[in-house]
Amino acid sequence: MTGRPTPAVLPPPLRAWLGLIAALAALVVVTLGVLYAGHSEPGRVDRWVVEPTADSVRPPWRYVALATDFWGEPAGAATLVVAAVAGCLLLRLPRGAVLVVGGAGMTVVTTTLIKPLAGRTIHGDGNLSYPSGHTGFFTALALVVALLAAGRLGLGRKAATLLVLAVALVAGAAMGWAQVALSAHYATDVLGGWCTALAVVPATAWLVDRSADSLADRAADAAPRGRR
């Protein structure tokens, strides 16, 4: 087999730690979903953080929130995904390109499927709010970029873990703030979306690596027979 194998999107030093974090995040998503199932009012935690209203944030910060929210809307999200995929292909990271689409896509699909199961609404107008798809998507994409950066830089376990969690926290906090500020979600909806990304992306990255390694092994086994 010629050429170098493509680098893993889930760096080996992070597999155990992110596996544990993913499991805990999934537990949080389920727990919050059960606690707020069928609710249409903010919970105690939501009131403690901030209860979203139509004028939770006024200009100029409202414009900042609207600009941030755009990147979770279909047009903005598609732009980010295309840019990330293009960057991966330019850097010759085919697994990364697959993870960008798979990680972000699976996170959005997961939040979409959970919403009718949880049945939580906001403002009593029937809009399903748990978990936040905007927060989930933005966090997922940031997680993918952080994972690829950690692998490309060859960071050790501690540095890589710190980078991935810091990027996820900043991205989730930014989009989560925008969602609460614009009265689109409660704080616990945002937390659910953030944890959904933390649960889905590592699992998707593991599947991408397993699938790519399997295909590479099959190609390597078939190569000698093809030369005969």
C-alpha atoms as a PDB file:
ATOM      1  CA  MET A   1       0.000   0.000   0.000  1.00  0.00           C
ATOM      2  CA  THR A   2       1.416   3.355  -1.012  1.00  0.00           C
ATOM      3  CA  GLY A   3       1.064   6.718   0.664  1.00  0.00           C
ATOM      4  CA  ARG A   4       0.657   7.656   4.265  1.00  0.00           C
ATOM      5  CA  PRO A   5      -2.495   6.686   6.196  1.00  0.00           C
ATOM      6  CA  THR A   6      -4.792   9.591   6.895  1.00  0.00           C
ATOM      7  CA  PRO A   7      -4.574  10.810  10.493  1.00  0.00           C
ATOM      8  CA  ALA A   8      -7.270   9.833  12.965  1.00  0.00           C
ATOM      9  CA  VAL A   9      -9.885  12.454  13.764  1.00  0.00           C
ATOM     10  CA  LEU A  10     -10.126  11.198  17.345  1.00  0.00           C
ATOM     11  CA  PRO A  11      -6.577  11.498  18.719  1.00  0.00           C
ATOM     12  CA  PRO A  12      -5.638   8.358  20.710  1.00  0.00           C
ATOM     13  CA  PRO A  13      -4.737  10.338  23.863  1.00  0.00           C
ATOM     14  CA  LEU A  14      -8.288  11.716  23.958  1.00  0.00           C
ATOM     15  CA  ARG A  15     -10.310   8.570  23.325  1.00  0.00           C
ATOM     16  CA  ALA A  16     -10.801   7.474  26.925  1.00  0.00           C
ATOM     17  CA  TRP A  17     -11.426  10.967  28.268  1.00  0.00           C
ATOM     18  CA  LEU A  18     -13.844  11.989  25.527  1.00  0.00           C
ATOM     19  CA  GLY A  19     -15.613   8.659  25.823  1.00  0.00           C
ATOM     20  CA  LEU A  20     -16.265   9.354  29.499  1.00  0.00           C
ATOM     21  CA  ILE A  21     -17.318  12.945  28.783  1.00  0.00           C
ATOM     22  CA  ALA A  22     -19.653  11.757  26.018  1.00  0.00           C
ATOM     23  CA  ALA A  23     -21.312   9.282  28.371  1.00  0.00           C
ATOM     24  CA  LEU A  24     -21.815  11.917  31.071  1.00  0.00           C
ATOM     25  CA  ALA A  25     -23.121  14.411  28.507  1.00  0.00           C
ATOM     26  CA  ALA A  26     -25.637  11.874  27.216  1.00  0.00           C
ATOM     27  CA  LEU A  27     -26.800  11.299  30.795  1.00  0.00           C
ATOM     28  CA  VAL A  28     -27.337  15.047  31.257  1.00  0.00           C
ATOM     29  CA  VAL A  29     -29.339  15.260  28.022  1.00  0.00           C
ATOM     30  CA  VAL A  30     -31.626  12.425  29.106  1.00  0.00           C
ATOM     31  CA  THR A  31     -31.993  13.738  32.656  1.00  0.00           C
ATOM     32  CA  LEU A  32     -32.927  17.257  31.575  1.00  0.00           C
ATOM     33  CA  GLY A  33     -35.272  15.866  28.949  1.00  0.00           C
ATOM     34  CA  VAL A  34     -37.116  13.845  31.572  1.00  0.00           C
ATOM     35  CA  LEU A  35     -37.197  16.711  34.087  1.00  0.00           C
ATOM     36  CA  TYR A  36     -38.645  19.225  31.641  1.00  0.00           C
ATOM     37  CA  ALA A  37     -40.741  16.890  29.494  1.00  0.00           C
ATOM     38  CA  GLY A  38     -43.994  18.580  28.505  1.00  0.00           C
ATOM     39  CA  HIS A  39     -43.130  21.834  30.321  1.00  0.00           C
ATOM     40  CA  SER A  40     -43.796  25.250  28.824  1.00  0.00           C
ATOM     41  CA  GLU A  41     -42.461  27.418  31.642  1.00  0.00           C
ATOM     42  CA  PRO A  42     -38.897  28.161  32.763  1.00  0.00           C
ATOM     43  CA  GLY A  43     -37.506  26.005  35.550  1.00  0.00           C
ATOM     44  CA  ARG A  44     -35.713  27.157  38.673  1.00  0.00           C
ATOM     45  CA  VAL A  45     -32.333  27.072  36.949  1.00  0.00           C
ATOM     46  CA  ASP A  46     -33.689  29.065  34.006  1.00  0.00           C
ATOM     47  CA  ARG A  47     -35.049  31.772  36.298  1.00  0.00           C
ATOM     48  CA  TRP A  48     -31.783  31.880  38.196  1.00  0.00           C
ATOM     49  CA  VAL A  49     -29.752  32.434  35.009  1.00  0.00           C
ATOM     50  CA  VAL A  50     -32.157  34.709  33.150  1.00  0.00           C
ATOM     51  CA  GLU A  51     -35.763  34.295  32.113  1.00  0.00           C
ATOM     52  CA  PRO A  52     -35.915  35.050  28.356  1.00  0.00           C
ATOM     53  CA  THR A  53     -38.283  37.764  27.235  1.00  0.00           C
ATOM     54  CA  ALA A  54     -38.697  39.731  24.025  1.00  0.00           C
ATOM     55  CA  ASP A  55     -36.390  42.444  25.350  1.00  0.00           C
ATOM     56  CA  SER A  56     -33.903  40.354  27.356  1.00  0.00           C
ATOM     57  CA  VAL A  57     -31.061  42.149  25.583  1.00  0.00           C
ATOM     58  CA  ARG A  58     -31.253  45.566  23.957  1.00  0.00           C
ATOM     59  CA  PRO A  59     -29.095  47.124  21.230  1.00  0.00           C
ATOM     60  CA  PRO A  60     -26.216  47.048  20.571  1.00  0.00           C
ATOM     61  CA  TRP A  61     -25.867  43.623  22.213  1.00  0.00           C
ATOM     62  CA  ARG A  62     -29.059  42.447  20.538  1.00  0.00           C
ATOM     63  CA  TYR A  63     -27.346  42.929  17.177  1.00  0.00           C
ATOM     64  CA  VAL A  64     -24.459  40.805  18.394  1.00  0.00           C
ATOM     65  CA  ALA A  65     -26.916  38.104  19.436  1.00  0.00           C
ATOM     66  CA  LEU A  66     -28.642  38.230  16.047  1.00  0.00           C
ATOM     67  CA  ALA A  67     -25.309  37.967  14.231  1.00  0.00           C
ATOM     68  CA  THR A  68     -24.336  34.962  16.355  1.00  0.00           C
ATOM     69  CA  ASP A  69     -27.724  33.337  15.844  1.00  0.00           C
ATOM     70  CA  PHE A  70     -27.284  33.595  12.051  1.00  0.00           C
ATOM     71  CA  TRP A  71     -24.507  30.982  12.150  1.00  0.00           C
ATOM     72  CA  GLY A  72     -26.988  28.459  13.519  1.00  0.00           C
ATOM     73  CA  GLU A  73     -29.597  29.212  10.845  1.00  0.00           C
ATOM     74  CA  PRO A  74     -29.625  27.059   7.664  1.00  0.00           C
ATOM     75  CA  ALA A  75     -27.790  29.598   5.489  1.00  0.00           C
ATOM     76  CA  GLY A  76     -25.150  30.411   8.079  1.00  0.00           C
ATOM     77  CA  ALA A  77     -24.692  26.794   9.136  1.00  0.00           C
ATOM     78  CA  ALA A  78     -24.294  25.659   5.525  1.00  0.00           C
ATOM     79  CA  THR A  79     -21.673  28.359   4.966  1.00  0.00           C
ATOM     80  CA  LEU A  80     -19.679  27.203   7.986  1.00  0.00           C
ATOM     81  CA  VAL A  81     -19.867  23.542   6.985  1.00  0.00           C
ATOM     82  CA  VAL A  82     -18.777  24.236   3.396  1.00  0.00           C
ATOM     83  CA  ALA A  83     -15.885  26.371   4.624  1.00  0.00           C
ATOM     84  CA  ALA A  84     -14.795  23.707   7.129  1.00  0.00           C
ATOM     85  CA  VAL A  85     -14.999  20.910   4.548  1.00  0.00           C
ATOM     86  CA  ALA A  86     -13.017  22.974   2.051  1.00  0.00           C
ATOM     87  CA  GLY A  87     -10.367  23.652   4.693  1.00  0.00           C
ATOM     88  CA  CYS A  88     -10.093  19.935   5.498  1.00  0.00           C
ATOM     89  CA  LEU A  89      -9.690  19.028   1.838  1.00  0.00           C
ATOM     90  CA  LEU A  90      -7.047  21.708   1.318  1.00  0.00           C
ATOM     91  CA  LEU A  91      -5.135  20.332   4.321  1.00  0.00           C
ATOM     92  CA  ARG A  92      -5.595  16.783   3.002  1.00  0.00           C
ATOM     93  CA  LEU A  93      -7.743  15.672   5.918  1.00  0.00           C
ATOM     94  CA  PRO A  94     -10.438  13.569   4.255  1.00  0.00           C
ATOM     95  CA  ARG A  95     -11.540  12.041   7.553  1.00  0.00           C
ATOM     96  CA  GLY A  96     -11.898  15.547   8.912  1.00  0.00           C
ATOM     97  CA  ALA A  97     -14.174  16.526   6.033  1.00  0.00           C
ATOM     98  CA  VAL A  98     -16.357  13.492   6.745  1.00  0.00           C
ATOM     99  CA  LEU A  99     -16.460  14.339  10.446  1.00  0.00           C
ATOM    100  CA  VAL A 100     -17.459  17.939   9.766  1.00  0.00           C
ATOM    101  CA  VAL A 101     -20.530  16.762   7.885  1.00  0.00           C
ATOM    102  CA  GLY A 102     -21.214  13.714  10.046  1.00  0.00           C
ATOM    103  CA  GLY A 103     -20.568  15.295  13.443  1.00  0.00           C
ATOM    104  CA  ALA A 104     -22.533  18.474  12.826  1.00  0.00           C
ATOM    105  CA  GLY A 105     -25.245  16.645  10.889  1.00  0.00           C
ATOM    106  CA  MET A 106     -25.773  13.922  13.471  1.00  0.00           C
ATOM    107  CA  THR A 107     -25.937  16.511  16.253  1.00  0.00           C
ATOM    108  CA  VAL A 108     -28.662  18.434  14.432  1.00  0.00           C
ATOM    109  CA  VAL A 109     -30.545  15.209  13.688  1.00  0.00           C
ATOM    110  CA  THR A 110     -30.282  14.143  17.332  1.00  0.00           C
ATOM    111  CA  THR A 111     -31.594  17.438  18.704  1.00  0.00           C
ATOM    112  CA  THR A 112     -34.409  17.348  16.155  1.00  0.00           C
ATOM    113  CA  LEU A 113     -35.432  13.834  17.185  1.00  0.00           C
ATOM    114  CA  ILE A 114     -35.277  14.615  20.915  1.00  0.00           C
ATOM    115  CA  LYS A 115     -37.503  17.698  20.698  1.00  0.00           C
ATOM    116  CA  PRO A 116     -40.826  15.918  20.111  1.00  0.00           C
ATOM    117  CA  LEU A 117     -39.879  13.264  22.662  1.00  0.00           C
ATOM    118  CA  ALA A 118     -39.230  15.894  25.343  1.00  0.00           C
ATOM    119  CA  GLY A 119     -42.161  18.010  24.228  1.00  0.00           C
ATOM    120  CA  ARG A 120     -40.913  21.134  25.979  1.00  0.00           C
ATOM    121  CA  THR A 121     -42.139  24.429  24.540  1.00  0.00           C
ATOM    122  CA  ILE A 122     -41.304  28.064  25.140  1.00  0.00           C
ATOM    123  CA  HIS A 123     -43.693  31.023  25.470  1.00  0.00           C
ATOM    124  CA  GLY A 124     -46.627  28.627  25.239  1.00  0.00           C
ATOM    125  CA  ASP A 125     -46.787  28.954  21.438  1.00  0.00           C
ATOM    126  CA  GLY A 126     -46.006  25.340  20.602  1.00  0.00           C
ATOM    127  CA  ASN A 127     -42.393  25.915  19.595  1.00  0.00           C
ATOM    128  CA  LEU A 128     -40.361  22.912  20.752  1.00  0.00           C
ATOM    129  CA  SER A 129     -37.325  24.181  22.593  1.00  0.00           C
ATOM    130  CA  TYR A 130     -35.402  21.279  24.194  1.00  0.00           C
ATOM    131  CA  PRO A 131     -32.619  20.806  23.306  1.00  0.00           C
ATOM    132  CA  SER A 132     -31.270  23.835  21.416  1.00  0.00           C
ATOM    133  CA  GLY A 133     -30.332  22.819  17.878  1.00  0.00           C
ATOM    134  CA  HIS A 134     -28.441  26.064  17.259  1.00  0.00           C
ATOM    135  CA  THR A 135     -26.243  25.484  20.302  1.00  0.00           C
ATOM    136  CA  GLY A 136     -25.753  21.832  19.448  1.00  0.00           C
ATOM    137  CA  PHE A 137     -24.680  22.579  15.870  1.00  0.00           C
ATOM    138  CA  PHE A 138     -22.307  25.408  16.740  1.00  0.00           C
ATOM    139  CA  THR A 139     -20.699  23.407  19.546  1.00  0.00           C
ATOM    140  CA  ALA A 140     -20.386  20.322  17.342  1.00  0.00           C
ATOM    141  CA  LEU A 141     -18.614  22.209  14.573  1.00  0.00           C
ATOM    142  CA  ALA A 142     -16.272  23.854  17.071  1.00  0.00           C
ATOM    143  CA  LEU A 143     -15.534  20.452  18.619  1.00  0.00           C
ATOM    144  CA  VAL A 144     -14.621  18.994  15.238  1.00  0.00           C
ATOM    145  CA  VAL A 145     -12.259  21.863  14.487  1.00  0.00           C
ATOM    146  CA  ALA A 146     -10.661  21.525  17.923  1.00  0.00           C
ATOM    147  CA  LEU A 147     -10.200  17.758  17.498  1.00  0.00           C
ATOM    148  CA  LEU A 148      -8.544  18.237  14.117  1.00  0.00           C
ATOM    149  CA  ALA A 149      -6.293  20.977  15.487  1.00  0.00           C
ATOM    150  CA  ALA A 150      -5.281  18.844  18.469  1.00  0.00           C
ATOM    151  CA  GLY A 151      -4.391  15.946  16.182  1.00  0.00           C
ATOM    152  CA  ARG A 152      -2.519  18.053  13.660  1.00  0.00           C
ATOM    153  CA  LEU A 153      -0.522  19.831  16.365  1.00  0.00           C
ATOM    154  CA  GLY A 154       0.319  16.525  18.029  1.00  0.00           C
ATOM    155  CA  LEU A 155      -0.783  17.742  21.451  1.00  0.00           C
ATOM    156  CA  GLY A 156      -0.516  15.507  24.508  1.00  0.00           C
ATOM    157  CA  ARG A 157      -3.508  14.302  26.483  1.00  0.00           C
ATOM    158  CA  LYS A 158      -3.730  17.225  28.899  1.00  0.00           C
ATOM    159  CA  ALA A 159      -3.163  19.966  26.333  1.00  0.00           C
ATOM    160  CA  ALA A 160      -5.506  18.359  23.802  1.00  0.00           C
ATOM    161  CA  THR A 161      -8.249  17.846  26.377  1.00  0.00           C
ATOM    162  CA  LEU A 162      -7.928  21.446  27.550  1.00  0.00           C
ATOM    163  CA  LEU A 163      -8.092  22.747  23.983  1.00  0.00           C
ATOM    164  CA  VAL A 164     -11.130  20.676  23.023  1.00  0.00           C
ATOM    165  CA  LEU A 165     -13.107  21.470  26.166  1.00  0.00           C
ATOM    166  CA  ALA A 166     -12.192  25.177  26.076  1.00  0.00           C
ATOM    167  CA  VAL A 167     -13.277  25.538  22.444  1.00  0.00           C
ATOM    168  CA  ALA A 168     -16.512  23.643  23.126  1.00  0.00           C
ATOM    169  CA  LEU A 169     -17.232  25.809  26.158  1.00  0.00           C
ATOM    170  CA  VAL A 170     -16.615  29.087  24.337  1.00  0.00           C
ATOM    171  CA  ALA A 171     -18.666  28.081  21.287  1.00  0.00           C
ATOM    172  CA  GLY A 172     -21.525  26.731  23.388  1.00  0.00           C
ATOM    173  CA  ALA A 173     -21.541  29.763  25.661  1.00  0.00           C
ATOM    174  CA  ALA A 174     -21.565  32.194  22.729  1.00  0.00           C
ATOM    175  CA  MET A 175     -24.432  30.563  20.859  1.00  0.00           C
ATOM    176  CA  GLY A 176     -26.259  29.709  24.082  1.00  0.00           C
ATOM    177  CA  TRP A 177     -26.131  33.321  25.209  1.00  0.00           C
ATOM    178  CA  ALA A 178     -27.525  34.423  21.864  1.00  0.00           C
ATOM    179  CA  GLN A 179     -30.411  31.946  22.087  1.00  0.00           C
ATOM    180  CA  VAL A 180     -31.404  33.038  25.584  1.00  0.00           C
ATOM    181  CA  ALA A 181     -30.904  36.709  24.740  1.00  0.00           C
ATOM    182  CA  LEU A 182     -33.198  36.401  21.731  1.00  0.00           C
ATOM    183  CA  SER A 183     -35.814  34.581  23.823  1.00  0.00           C
ATOM    184  CA  ALA A 184     -35.545  31.487  21.610  1.00  0.00           C
ATOM    185  CA  HIS A 185     -34.525  29.046  24.345  1.00  0.00           C
ATOM    186  CA  TYR A 186     -34.268  28.589  28.085  1.00  0.00           C
ATOM    187  CA  ALA A 187     -30.853  28.141  29.662  1.00  0.00           C
ATOM    188  CA  THR A 188     -31.500  24.435  30.227  1.00  0.00           C
ATOM    189  CA  ASP A 189     -32.375  24.053  26.529  1.00  0.00           C
ATOM    190  CA  VAL A 190     -28.958  25.484  25.742  1.00  0.00           C
ATOM    191  CA  LEU A 191     -27.267  23.113  28.179  1.00  0.00           C
ATOM    192  CA  GLY A 192     -29.076  20.201  26.557  1.00  0.00           C
ATOM    193  CA  GLY A 193     -27.894  21.247  23.110  1.00  0.00           C
ATOM    194  CA  TRP A 194     -24.322  21.674  24.315  1.00  0.00           C
ATOM    195  CA  CYS A 195     -24.295  18.258  25.936  1.00  0.00           C
ATOM    196  CA  THR A 196     -25.826  16.686  22.833  1.00  0.00           C
ATOM    197  CA  ALA A 197     -22.815  17.848  20.828  1.00  0.00           C
ATOM    198  CA  LEU A 198     -20.433  16.540  23.492  1.00  0.00           C
ATOM    199  CA  ALA A 199     -22.145  13.150  23.310  1.00  0.00           C
ATOM    200  CA  VAL A 200     -22.512  12.864  19.536  1.00  0.00           C
ATOM    201  CA  VAL A 201     -19.244  14.222  18.121  1.00  0.00           C
ATOM    202  CA  PRO A 202     -16.807  11.860  19.910  1.00  0.00           C
ATOM    203  CA  ALA A 203     -18.983   8.867  18.977  1.00  0.00           C
ATOM    204  CA  THR A 204     -19.133  10.020  15.357  1.00  0.00           C
ATOM    205  CA  ALA A 205     -15.369  10.593  15.281  1.00  0.00           C
ATOM    206  CA  TRP A 206     -14.792   7.061  16.575  1.00  0.00           C
ATOM    207  CA  LEU A 207     -17.066   5.647  13.876  1.00  0.00           C
ATOM    208  CA  VAL A 208     -15.292   7.645  11.162  1.00  0.00           C
ATOM    209  CA  ASP A 209     -11.914   6.317  12.296  1.00  0.00           C
ATOM    210  CA  ARG A 210     -13.137   2.726  12.562  1.00  0.00           C
ATOM    211  CA  SER A 211     -14.716   2.863   9.113  1.00  0.00           C
ATOM    212  CA  ALA A 212     -11.666   4.473   7.507  1.00  0.00           C
ATOM    213  CA  ASP A 213      -9.279   2.014   9.170  1.00  0.00           C
ATOM    214  CA  SER A 214     -11.422  -0.893   8.036  1.00  0.00           C
ATOM    215  CA  LEU A 215     -11.427   0.336   4.445  1.00  0.00           C
ATOM    216  CA  ALA A 216      -7.661   0.879   4.571  1.00  0.00           C
ATOM    217  CA  ASP A 217      -7.101  -2.649   5.892  1.00  0.00           C
ATOM    218  CA  ARG A 218      -9.251  -4.144   3.136  1.00  0.00           C
ATOM    219  CA  ALA A 219      -7.344  -2.164   0.509  1.00  0.00           C
ATOM    220  CA  ALA A 220      -4.032  -3.348   1.966  1.00  0.00           C
ATOM    221  CA  ASP A 221      -5.169  -6.989   1.927  1.00  0.00           C
ATOM    222  CA  ALA A 222      -6.414  -6.717  -1.639  1.00  0.00           C
ATOM    223  CA  ALA A 223      -3.318  -4.917  -2.991  1.00  0.00           C
ATOM    224  CA  PRO A 224      -0.960  -7.973  -3.177  1.00  0.00           C
ATOM    225  CA  ARG A 225      -3.574 -10.030  -5.010  1.00  0.00           C
ATOM    226  CA  GLY A 226      -4.135  -7.195  -7.459  1.00  0.00           C
ATOM    227  CA  ARG A 227      -0.443  -7.151  -8.402  1.00  0.00           C
ATOM    228  CA  ARG A 228      -0.331 -10.832  -9.275  1.00  0.00           C
END
